[in-house]
């Protein structure tokens, strides 16, 4: 992890800033059509690079973004999870988002990483609410949100890749106030 800024850690995972050297690992996620079904298909190399560049920019402009999720046991990047600023009807919100390599699904990693991001948003950023904006057909991500105490509060249509995509709005509220 030398030279790579750690965002947070959990029992099994390290979340750290992505760097250019993560391109190949990111391709294992974003170029997999099964992983990217809610995005209407896999990304190409240019789209992966744009995604990576966007995260690196977010770290500088917002102070957070999507992070490389590293499995402590192996040191392998198994996914990405983090906080981003997103638009929903009527406001800009902090969203917890996550995508993982298919071979690491069903191990609780997304739930563990997303919970750590929500806690960071509440305890470090001091936000009252954290959102997850999830495609209507993405039941697995909806289940991660529910396991982290998020509740569906609405829906809207996002226009992405030339397609109107229904999305649900999930929210968790900071109960420490």
Protein backbone atom coordinates (compact mmCIF):
# COMPACT_ATOMS: atom_id res chain seq x y z
CA UNK A 1 0.00 0.00 0.00
CA UNK A 2 3.03 2.24 0.03
CA UNK A 3 2.31 5.53 -1.74
CA UNK A 4 -1.42 4.79 -2.00
CA UNK A 5 -3.70 6.82 0.25
CA UNK A 6 -5.96 4.67 2.44
CA UNK A 7 -9.53 5.91 2.87
CA UNK A 8 -10.71 3.40 5.48
CA UNK A 9 -10.34 -0.22 6.59
CA UNK A 10 -12.68 -2.96 7.75
CA UNK A 11 -11.97 -6.36 9.23
CA UNK A 12 -11.32 -7.90 5.79
CA UNK A 13 -10.88 -4.94 3.45
CA UNK A 14 -8.79 -1.86 2.74
CA UNK A 15 -10.38 0.97 0.76
CA UNK A 16 -7.77 3.19 -0.84
CA UNK A 17 -7.53 5.78 -3.57
CA UNK A 18 -7.25 4.32 -7.04
CA UNK A 19 -4.17 5.13 -9.11
CA UNK A 20 -3.32 4.56 -12.78
CA UNK A 21 -1.74 1.21 -11.90
CA UNK A 22 -5.25 -0.02 -10.97
CA UNK A 23 -6.42 0.18 -14.61
CA UNK A 24 -6.13 -3.58 -15.28
CA UNK A 25 -7.90 -4.46 -12.02
CA UNK A 26 -10.63 -1.93 -12.79
CA UNK A 27 -11.06 -3.54 -16.22
CA UNK A 28 -11.93 -6.83 -14.50
CA UNK A 29 -14.96 -5.04 -13.07
CA UNK A 30 -16.04 -2.49 -15.67
CA UNK A 31 -15.40 -4.64 -18.76
CA UNK A 32 -17.45 -7.58 -17.42
CA UNK A 33 -20.93 -7.49 -18.99
CA UNK A 34 -22.43 -9.49 -16.09
CA UNK A 35 -21.10 -7.03 -13.51
CA UNK A 36 -22.16 -4.06 -15.64
CA UNK A 37 -25.68 -5.23 -16.56
CA UNK A 38 -27.27 -2.29 -14.70
CA UNK A 39 -25.16 0.05 -16.88
CA UNK A 40 -26.44 -1.61 -20.07
CA UNK A 41 -23.21 -3.38 -20.86
CA UNK A 42 -19.50 -3.55 -20.34
CA UNK A 43 -17.20 -0.57 -20.75
CA UNK A 44 -14.45 -0.32 -23.32
CA UNK A 45 -10.87 0.75 -22.50
CA UNK A 46 -11.61 4.44 -23.09
CA UNK A 47 -14.63 4.34 -20.76
CA UNK A 48 -12.62 2.54 -18.07
CA UNK A 49 -9.89 5.19 -18.30
CA UNK A 50 -12.47 7.99 -18.11
CA UNK A 51 -14.00 6.31 -15.01
CA UNK A 52 -10.57 6.05 -13.37
CA UNK A 53 -9.71 9.66 -14.26
CA UNK A 54 -13.03 10.81 -12.79
CA UNK A 55 -12.28 9.14 -9.45
CA UNK A 56 -8.80 10.67 -9.26
CA UNK A 57 -10.36 14.08 -9.97
CA UNK A 58 -13.04 13.50 -7.32
CA UNK A 59 -10.39 12.85 -4.65
CA UNK A 60 -8.96 16.31 -5.37
CA UNK A 61 -12.21 18.27 -5.85
CA UNK A 62 -14.62 16.56 -3.41
CA UNK A 63 -12.18 14.96 -0.98
CA UNK A 64 -13.65 11.51 -1.71
CA UNK A 65 -14.71 9.24 -4.59
CA UNK A 66 -14.90 5.56 -5.43
CA UNK A 67 -12.01 3.62 -3.91
CA UNK A 68 -10.16 0.43 -4.75
CA UNK A 69 -11.37 -2.33 -2.43
CA UNK A 70 -8.42 -4.51 -1.51
CA UNK A 71 -8.88 -7.91 0.11
CA UNK A 72 -6.46 -7.88 3.06
CA UNK A 73 -5.89 -11.63 2.86
CA UNK A 74 -4.49 -11.49 -0.70
CA UNK A 75 -3.75 -7.84 -1.47
CA UNK A 76 -5.92 -8.13 -4.61
CA UNK A 77 -8.28 -5.38 -5.78
CA UNK A 78 -11.67 -7.12 -5.76
CA UNK A 79 -13.94 -4.15 -6.35
CA UNK A 80 -14.59 -0.49 -5.85
CA UNK A 81 -16.72 1.29 -3.28
CA UNK A 82 -16.94 4.82 -2.03
CA UNK A 83 -18.76 8.12 -1.84
CA UNK A 84 -19.65 10.41 -4.72
CA UNK A 85 -21.77 13.50 -5.21
CA UNK A 86 -24.85 12.66 -7.28
CA UNK A 87 -27.96 14.44 -8.48
CA UNK A 88 -31.41 13.20 -7.61
CA UNK A 89 -34.57 15.17 -8.35
CA UNK A 90 -34.42 18.38 -6.34
CA UNK A 91 -30.96 18.07 -4.77
CA UNK A 92 -27.35 16.97 -4.82
CA UNK A 93 -26.56 14.14 -2.39
CA UNK A 94 -23.70 12.01 -1.11
CA UNK A 95 -24.06 8.52 -2.54
CA UNK A 96 -22.46 5.25 -1.49
CA UNK A 97 -21.76 3.18 -4.60
CA UNK A 98 -20.14 -0.19 -5.17
CA UNK A 99 -19.14 -2.62 -7.91
CA UNK A 100 -17.24 -5.87 -7.40
CA UNK A 101 -15.67 -8.55 -9.57
CA UNK A 102 -18.21 -11.30 -10.10
CA UNK A 103 -16.00 -13.98 -8.54
CA UNK A 104 -16.16 -12.05 -5.23
CA UNK A 105 -19.95 -11.70 -5.11
CA UNK A 106 -21.93 -13.32 -2.27
CA UNK A 107 -19.19 -12.96 0.35
CA UNK A 108 -20.52 -9.86 2.10
CA UNK A 109 -17.73 -7.62 0.77
CA UNK A 110 -20.07 -5.03 -0.78
CA UNK A 111 -22.10 -4.77 2.41
CA UNK A 112 -18.96 -4.47 4.54
CA UNK A 113 -17.37 -1.82 2.31
CA UNK A 114 -20.60 0.19 1.88
CA UNK A 115 -21.21 0.19 5.64
CA UNK A 116 -17.71 1.60 6.20
CA UNK A 117 -18.40 4.34 3.63
CA UNK A 118 -21.72 5.24 5.26
CA UNK A 119 -20.03 5.44 8.66
CA UNK A 120 -17.33 7.70 7.18
CA UNK A 121 -19.98 9.98 5.69
CA UNK A 122 -21.78 10.25 9.02
CA UNK A 123 -18.84 10.38 11.42
CA UNK A 124 -16.16 12.22 9.42
CA UNK A 125 -18.09 14.27 6.88
CA UNK A 126 -20.92 14.94 9.34
CA UNK A 127 -23.70 14.40 6.83
CA UNK A 128 -27.25 13.69 8.00
CA UNK A 129 -28.08 11.35 5.11
CA UNK A 130 -26.33 9.02 2.71
CA UNK A 131 -28.00 7.77 -0.45
CA UNK A 132 -27.65 4.87 -2.85
CA UNK A 133 -29.14 5.32 -6.30
CA UNK A 134 -29.77 1.84 -7.69
CA UNK A 135 -31.13 0.62 -11.00
CA UNK A 136 -34.56 -0.99 -10.66
CA UNK A 137 -33.27 -4.32 -12.02
CA UNK A 138 -30.25 -4.45 -9.68
CA UNK A 139 -31.71 -6.55 -6.87
CA UNK A 140 -28.28 -7.50 -5.48
CA UNK A 141 -27.31 -3.85 -4.89
CA UNK A 142 -30.74 -3.12 -3.45
CA UNK A 143 -30.16 -5.96 -0.97
CA UNK A 144 -26.77 -4.48 0.02
CA UNK A 145 -28.47 -1.14 0.70
CA UNK A 146 -31.17 -2.83 2.82
CA UNK A 147 -28.56 -4.80 4.81
CA UNK A 148 -26.94 -1.45 5.63
CA UNK A 149 -30.16 -0.01 7.01
CA UNK A 150 -31.11 1.97 3.92
CA UNK A 151 -34.76 2.46 3.03
CA UNK A 152 -36.25 3.01 -0.42
CA UNK A 153 -37.69 6.54 -0.48
CA UNK A 154 -38.39 7.19 -4.15
CA UNK A 155 -37.63 6.57 -7.79
CA UNK A 156 -36.68 8.52 -10.88
CA UNK A 157 -35.45 8.02 -14.44
CA UNK A 158 -31.76 8.48 -15.27
CA UNK A 159 -30.77 8.93 -18.89
CA UNK A 160 -27.49 7.07 -19.42
CA UNK A 161 -25.84 5.61 -22.52
CA UNK A 162 -28.82 6.75 -24.59
CA UNK A 163 -31.34 4.83 -22.49
CA UNK A 164 -33.94 5.88 -19.90
CA UNK A 165 -33.18 3.76 -16.83
CA UNK A 166 -35.50 3.62 -13.80
CA UNK A 167 -33.58 3.99 -10.52
CA UNK A 168 -34.62 3.66 -6.90
CA UNK A 169 -33.45 6.08 -4.23
CA UNK A 170 -32.32 4.47 -0.97
CA UNK A 171 -31.37 6.55 2.06
CA UNK A 172 -29.75 5.98 5.44
CA UNK A 173 -30.08 8.64 8.09
CA UNK A 174 -27.49 9.45 10.73
CA UNK A 175 -29.02 8.33 14.00
CA UNK A 176 -26.28 9.81 16.19
CA UNK A 177 -27.98 13.22 16.28
